[in-house]
C-alpha atoms as a PDB file:
ATOM      1  CA  UNK A   1      -0.128  -1.799   3.957  1.00  0.00           C
ATOM      2  CA  UNK A   2       3.250  -0.275   4.667  1.00  0.00           C
ATOM      3  CA  UNK A   3       4.356   1.498   7.840  1.00  0.00           C
ATOM      4  CA  UNK A   4       7.669   3.339   8.103  1.00  0.00           C
ATOM      5  CA  UNK A   5       9.474   4.184  11.305  1.00  0.00           C
ATOM      6  CA  UNK A   6      12.862   5.796  11.735  1.00  0.00           C
ATOM      7  CA  UNK A   7      14.816   2.585  11.062  1.00  0.00           C
ATOM      8  CA  UNK A   8      12.209   0.068   9.915  1.00  0.00           C
ATOM      9  CA  UNK A   9       9.628  -0.730   7.291  1.00  0.00           C
ATOM     10  CA  UNK A  10       6.668  -2.876   8.300  1.00  0.00           C
ATOM     11  CA  UNK A  11       4.815  -4.479   5.406  1.00  0.00           C
ATOM     12  CA  UNK A  12       2.713  -7.516   4.613  1.00  0.00           C
ATOM     13  CA  UNK A  13       4.626 -10.781   4.440  1.00  0.00           C
ATOM     14  CA  UNK A  14       5.324 -12.079   0.936  1.00  0.00           C
ATOM     15  CA  UNK A  15       6.270 -15.530  -0.293  1.00  0.00           C
ATOM     16  CA  UNK A  16       9.696 -14.123  -1.243  1.00  0.00           C
ATOM     17  CA  UNK A  17      10.350 -13.680   2.518  1.00  0.00           C
ATOM     18  CA  UNK A  18      10.526 -17.448   2.964  1.00  0.00           C
ATOM     19  CA  UNK A  19      14.329 -17.732   3.369  1.00  0.00           C
ATOM     20  CA  UNK A  20      14.543 -15.097   6.095  1.00  0.00           C
ATOM     21  CA  UNK A  21      11.388 -16.425   7.791  1.00  0.00           C
ATOM     22  CA  UNK A  22      12.959 -19.871   7.863  1.00  0.00           C
ATOM     23  CA  UNK A  23      16.057 -18.412   9.567  1.00  0.00           C
ATOM     24  CA  UNK A  24      13.691 -17.106  12.239  1.00  0.00           C
ATOM     25  CA  UNK A  25      11.472 -20.187  12.570  1.00  0.00           C
ATOM     26  CA  UNK A  26      14.360 -22.679  12.599  1.00  0.00           C
ATOM     27  CA  UNK A  27      16.372 -20.892  15.312  1.00  0.00           C
ATOM     28  CA  UNK A  28      16.096 -22.621  18.733  1.00  0.00           C
ATOM     29  CA  UNK A  29      16.848 -19.358  20.584  1.00  0.00           C
ATOM     30  CA  UNK A  30      14.047 -17.527  18.781  1.00  0.00           C
ATOM     31  CA  UNK A  31      11.564 -20.355  19.347  1.00  0.00           C
ATOM     32  CA  UNK A  32      12.586 -21.083  22.964  1.00  0.00           C
ATOM     33  CA  UNK A  33       9.442 -19.595  24.564  1.00  0.00           C
ATOM     34  CA  UNK A  34       6.971 -19.962  21.683  1.00  0.00           C
ATOM     35  CA  UNK A  35       5.676 -23.437  22.466  1.00  0.00           C
ATOM     36  CA  UNK A  36       5.915 -24.814  18.944  1.00  0.00           C
ATOM     37  CA  UNK A  37       8.718 -26.953  17.521  1.00  0.00           C
ATOM     38  CA  UNK A  38      11.569 -25.416  15.567  1.00  0.00           C
ATOM     39  CA  UNK A  39      10.818 -25.670  11.856  1.00  0.00           C
ATOM     40  CA  UNK A  40      13.093 -27.979   9.902  1.00  0.00           C
ATOM     41  CA  UNK A  41      12.150 -27.254   6.284  1.00  0.00           C
ATOM     42  CA  UNK A  42      11.799 -24.018   4.361  1.00  0.00           C
ATOM     43  CA  UNK A  43       8.446 -25.208   3.002  1.00  0.00           C
ATOM     44  CA  UNK A  44       7.074 -25.028   6.573  1.00  0.00           C
ATOM     45  CA  UNK A  45       7.918 -21.311   6.700  1.00  0.00           C
ATOM     46  CA  UNK A  46       6.112 -20.853   3.399  1.00  0.00           C
ATOM     47  CA  UNK A  47       3.082 -22.413   5.079  1.00  0.00           C
ATOM     48  CA  UNK A  48       3.372 -19.882   7.921  1.00  0.00           C
ATOM     49  CA  UNK A  49       3.516 -17.005   5.426  1.00  0.00           C
ATOM     50  CA  UNK A  50       0.427 -18.321   3.611  1.00  0.00           C
ATOM     51  CA  UNK A  51      -1.432 -18.666   6.927  1.00  0.00           C
ATOM     52  CA  UNK A  52      -0.635 -15.040   7.795  1.00  0.00           C
ATOM     53  CA  UNK A  53      -1.666 -13.901   4.304  1.00  0.00           C
ATOM     54  CA  UNK A  54      -5.001 -15.642   4.881  1.00  0.00           C
ATOM     55  CA  UNK A  55      -5.373 -13.662   8.137  1.00  0.00           C
ATOM     56  CA  UNK A  56      -4.896 -10.417   6.176  1.00  0.00           C
ATOM     57  CA  UNK A  57      -7.742 -11.432   3.855  1.00  0.00           C
ATOM     58  CA  UNK A  58     -10.125 -12.810   6.480  1.00  0.00           C
ATOM     59  CA  UNK A  59      -9.470 -10.435   9.397  1.00  0.00           C
ATOM     60  CA  UNK A  60      -8.046  -7.303   7.795  1.00  0.00           C
ATOM     61  CA  UNK A  61      -4.913  -7.549   9.919  1.00  0.00           C
ATOM     62  CA  UNK A  62      -2.005  -9.853  10.707  1.00  0.00           C
ATOM     63  CA  UNK A  63       1.660  -9.898  11.636  1.00  0.00           C
ATOM     64  CA  UNK A  64       3.879  -7.772   9.390  1.00  0.00           C
ATOM     65  CA  UNK A  65       7.386  -8.328   8.063  1.00  0.00           C
ATOM     66  CA  UNK A  66       9.908  -6.041   9.766  1.00  0.00           C
ATOM     67  CA  UNK A  67      12.542  -4.828   7.318  1.00  0.00           C
ATOM     68  CA  UNK A  68      15.666  -3.037   8.505  1.00  0.00           C
ATOM     69  CA  UNK A  69      15.995   0.035   6.274  1.00  0.00           C
ATOM     70  CA  UNK A  70      19.797   0.076   6.449  1.00  0.00           C
ATOM     71  CA  UNK A  71      20.225  -3.472   5.079  1.00  0.00           C
ATOM     72  CA  UNK A  72      16.881  -4.112   3.376  1.00  0.00           C
ATOM     73  CA  UNK A  73      16.703  -7.444   5.218  1.00  0.00           C
ATOM     74  CA  UNK A  74      13.750  -8.999   7.004  1.00  0.00           C
ATOM     75  CA  UNK A  75      14.835  -9.118  10.657  1.00  0.00           C
ATOM     76  CA  UNK A  76      11.581 -10.495  12.076  1.00  0.00           C
ATOM     77  CA  UNK A  77       7.889  -9.805  12.273  1.00  0.00           C
ATOM     78  CA  UNK A  78       5.657  -7.701  14.459  1.00  0.00           C
ATOM     79  CA  UNK A  79       2.121  -6.473  14.592  1.00  0.00           C
ATOM     80  CA  UNK A  80      -1.468  -7.095  15.478  1.00  0.00           C
ATOM     81  CA  UNK A  81      -3.520 -10.151  14.763  1.00  0.00           C
ATOM     82  CA  UNK A  82      -7.094 -10.965  15.589  1.00  0.00           C
ATOM     83  CA  UNK A  83      -7.265 -13.876  18.029  1.00  0.00           C
ATOM     84  CA  UNK A  84      -9.911 -16.024  16.360  1.00  0.00           C
ATOM     85  CA  UNK A  85      -9.306 -18.950  18.717  1.00  0.00           C
ATOM     86  CA  UNK A  86      -9.758 -18.517  22.447  1.00  0.00           C
ATOM     87  CA  UNK A  87      -6.612 -17.569  24.356  1.00  0.00           C
ATOM     88  CA  UNK A  88      -6.802 -17.131  28.132  1.00  0.00           C
ATOM     89  CA  UNK A  89     -10.578 -16.769  27.833  1.00  0.00           C
ATOM     90  CA  UNK A  90     -10.352 -14.056  25.156  1.00  0.00           C
ATOM     91  CA  UNK A  91     -11.491 -14.325  21.553  1.00  0.00           C
ATOM     92  CA  UNK A  92     -11.891 -11.860  18.669  1.00  0.00           C
ATOM     93  CA  UNK A  93      -9.521  -9.366  20.279  1.00  0.00           C
ATOM     94  CA  UNK A  94      -6.351  -7.760  18.914  1.00  0.00           C
ATOM     95  CA  UNK A  95      -3.091  -9.287  20.057  1.00  0.00           C
ATOM     96  CA  UNK A  96       0.326  -7.647  19.721  1.00  0.00           C
ATOM     97  CA  UNK A  97       3.128 -10.050  18.903  1.00  0.00           C
ATOM     98  CA  UNK A  98       6.687 -10.003  17.606  1.00  0.00           C
ATOM     99  CA  UNK A  99       9.615 -12.261  16.846  1.00  0.00           C
ATOM    100  CA  UNK A 100      13.139 -11.239  15.776  1.00  0.00           C
ATOM    101  CA  UNK A 101      16.403 -12.812  14.718  1.00  0.00           C
ATOM    102  CA  UNK A 102      18.963 -12.792  17.565  1.00  0.00           C
ATOM    103  CA  UNK A 103      21.326 -10.393  15.760  1.00  0.00           C
ATOM    104  CA  UNK A 104      18.513  -7.810  15.992  1.00  0.00           C
ATOM    105  CA  UNK A 105      17.947  -8.213  19.731  1.00  0.00           C
ATOM    106  CA  UNK A 106      18.870  -5.361  22.052  1.00  0.00           C
ATOM    107  CA  UNK A 107      18.717  -2.653  19.355  1.00  0.00           C
ATOM    108  CA  UNK A 108      15.271  -1.287  20.174  1.00  0.00           C
ATOM    109  CA  UNK A 109      13.685  -2.670  17.001  1.00  0.00           C
ATOM    110  CA  UNK A 110      10.953  -4.595  18.830  1.00  0.00           C
ATOM    111  CA  UNK A 111       9.933  -1.472  20.730  1.00  0.00           C
ATOM    112  CA  UNK A 112      10.041   0.714  17.602  1.00  0.00           C
ATOM    113  CA  UNK A 113       7.901  -1.672  15.547  1.00  0.00           C
ATOM    114  CA  UNK A 114       5.492  -2.333  18.433  1.00  0.00           C
ATOM    115  CA  UNK A 115       4.883   1.410  18.849  1.00  0.00           C
ATOM    116  CA  UNK A 116       3.979   1.622  15.153  1.00  0.00           C
ATOM    117  CA  UNK A 117       1.622  -1.347  15.575  1.00  0.00           C
ATOM    118  CA  UNK A 118      -0.060   0.280  18.575  1.00  0.00           C
ATOM    119  CA  UNK A 119      -0.526   3.499  16.588  1.00  0.00           C
ATOM    120  CA  UNK A 120      -2.233   1.443  13.895  1.00  0.00           C
ATOM    121  CA  UNK A 121      -4.409  -0.397  16.400  1.00  0.00           C
ATOM    122  CA  UNK A 122      -5.588   2.582  18.414  1.00  0.00           C
ATOM    123  CA  UNK A 123      -5.676   5.307  15.762  1.00  0.00           C
ATOM    124  CA  UNK A 124      -6.603   3.562  12.505  1.00  0.00           C
ATOM    125  CA  UNK A 125      -8.403   0.421  13.732  1.00  0.00           C
ATOM    126  CA  UNK A 126     -10.048   2.273  16.655  1.00  0.00           C
ATOM    127  CA  UNK A 127      -9.322  -0.512  19.176  1.00  0.00           C
ATOM    128  CA  UNK A 128     -10.313   0.172  22.782  1.00  0.00           C
ATOM    129  CA  UNK A 129      -7.834  -2.358  24.153  1.00  0.00           C
ATOM    130  CA  UNK A 130      -4.933  -4.385  22.754  1.00  0.00           C
ATOM    131  CA  UNK A 131      -3.712  -7.567  24.415  1.00  0.00           C
ATOM    132  CA  UNK A 132      -0.375  -9.379  24.474  1.00  0.00           C
ATOM    133  CA  UNK A 133       1.146 -12.394  26.159  1.00  0.00           C
ATOM    134  CA  UNK A 134       4.698 -13.432  26.922  1.00  0.00           C
ATOM    135  CA  UNK A 135       6.189 -16.536  28.512  1.00  0.00           C
ATOM    136  CA  UNK A 136       6.967 -15.717  32.142  1.00  0.00           C
ATOM    137  CA  UNK A 137      10.659 -16.622  31.631  1.00  0.00           C
ATOM    138  CA  UNK A 138      11.052 -14.429  28.536  1.00  0.00           C
ATOM    139  CA  UNK A 139      12.522 -11.403  30.312  1.00  0.00           C
ATOM    140  CA  UNK A 140      13.121  -9.423  27.107  1.00  0.00           C
ATOM    141  CA  UNK A 141       9.566  -9.706  25.849  1.00  0.00           C
ATOM    142  CA  UNK A 142       8.037  -8.955  29.250  1.00  0.00           C
ATOM    143  CA  UNK A 143      10.285  -5.884  29.566  1.00  0.00           C
ATOM    144  CA  UNK A 144       9.189  -4.558  26.163  1.00  0.00           C
ATOM    145  CA  UNK A 145       5.498  -4.959  26.964  1.00  0.00           C
ATOM    146  CA  UNK A 146       5.886  -3.116  30.281  1.00  0.00           C
ATOM    147  CA  UNK A 147       7.904  -0.359  28.597  1.00  0.00           C
ATOM    148  CA  UNK A 148       5.067   0.079  26.074  1.00  0.00           C
ATOM    149  CA  UNK A 149       2.637   0.615  28.948  1.00  0.00           C
ATOM    150  CA  UNK A 150       0.967  -2.797  28.993  1.00  0.00           C
ATOM    151  CA  UNK A 151      -0.326  -3.939  32.371  1.00  0.00           C
ATOM    152  CA  UNK A 152      -0.102  -7.558  33.464  1.00  0.00           C
ATOM    153  CA  UNK A 153      -3.633  -8.658  34.262  1.00  0.00           C
ATOM    154  CA  UNK A 154      -3.129 -12.388  34.724  1.00  0.00           C
ATOM    155  CA  UNK A 155      -1.343 -15.602  33.884  1.00  0.00           C
ATOM    156  CA  UNK A 156      -2.328 -18.731  32.019  1.00  0.00           C
ATOM    157  CA  UNK A 157      -0.728 -22.098  31.422  1.00  0.00           C
ATOM    158  CA  UNK A 158       0.304 -23.272  27.986  1.00  0.00           C
ATOM    159  CA  UNK A 159       2.030 -26.545  27.083  1.00  0.00           C
ATOM    160  CA  UNK A 160       5.394 -24.722  27.211  1.00  0.00           C
ATOM    161  CA  UNK A 161       4.803 -23.146  30.641  1.00  0.00           C
ATOM    162  CA  UNK A 162       3.204 -20.148  32.258  1.00  0.00           C
ATOM    163  CA  UNK A 163       2.505 -17.046  30.189  1.00  0.00           C
ATOM    164  CA  UNK A 164       1.834 -13.535  31.420  1.00  0.00           C
ATOM    165  CA  UNK A 165      -1.304 -11.880  30.012  1.00  0.00           C
ATOM    166  CA  UNK A 166      -1.182  -8.146  29.343  1.00  0.00           C
ATOM    167  CA  UNK A 167      -3.574  -5.453  28.236  1.00  0.00           C
ATOM    168  CA  UNK A 168      -3.195  -1.859  27.133  1.00  0.00           C
ATOM    169  CA  UNK A 169      -6.322   0.278  27.159  1.00  0.00           C
ATOM    170  CA  UNK A 170      -6.746   3.192  24.790  1.00  0.00           C
ATOM    171  CA  UNK A 171      -6.932   5.700  27.649  1.00  0.00           C
ATOM    172  CA  UNK A 172      -3.596   4.491  29.054  1.00  0.00           C
ATOM    173  CA  UNK A 173      -1.857   4.520  25.686  1.00  0.00           C
ATOM    174  CA  UNK A 174       0.804   7.208  25.427  1.00  0.00           C
ATOM    175  CA  UNK A 175       1.754   7.738  21.759  1.00  0.00           C
ATOM    176  CA  UNK A 176       4.737   9.949  22.600  1.00  0.00           C
ATOM    177  CA  UNK A 177       7.059   7.597  24.471  1.00  0.00           C
END
């Protein structure tokens, strides 16, 4: 699977992405609101990649590497995954997520890649609703979800604090932002 946008390429994660994934997973600023410890060894990032590859096989979807066309570098990941474990009372639903290196923040990449993921979810996967969550203190992520048209429908508590729960229904999805 490969999706191209104006400035980005979204593709399945590969084991060769391990160095750039480790830059992401070991950065305290990136991981601030995630609720999992910062990774300390590159082999841990390889484990994350293998877990996501397993999701591709088992669920037909998973987070995708986001490659900046201009540099050819992995700048983060984005995309849909099937929530196979209950989150906020929901299970077996599509969840939009993303994570980027700080040097990519504020450039519109998260929005651009998320739009491509929503197109995939609603048009190719025929989803009726797509969910997302963001830590209540993560202003950037909450802003992106609202800009995409997601509606906050609740909150839930995680070990790292309170998270906002969002949903975007097919009929409210506007593909031409």
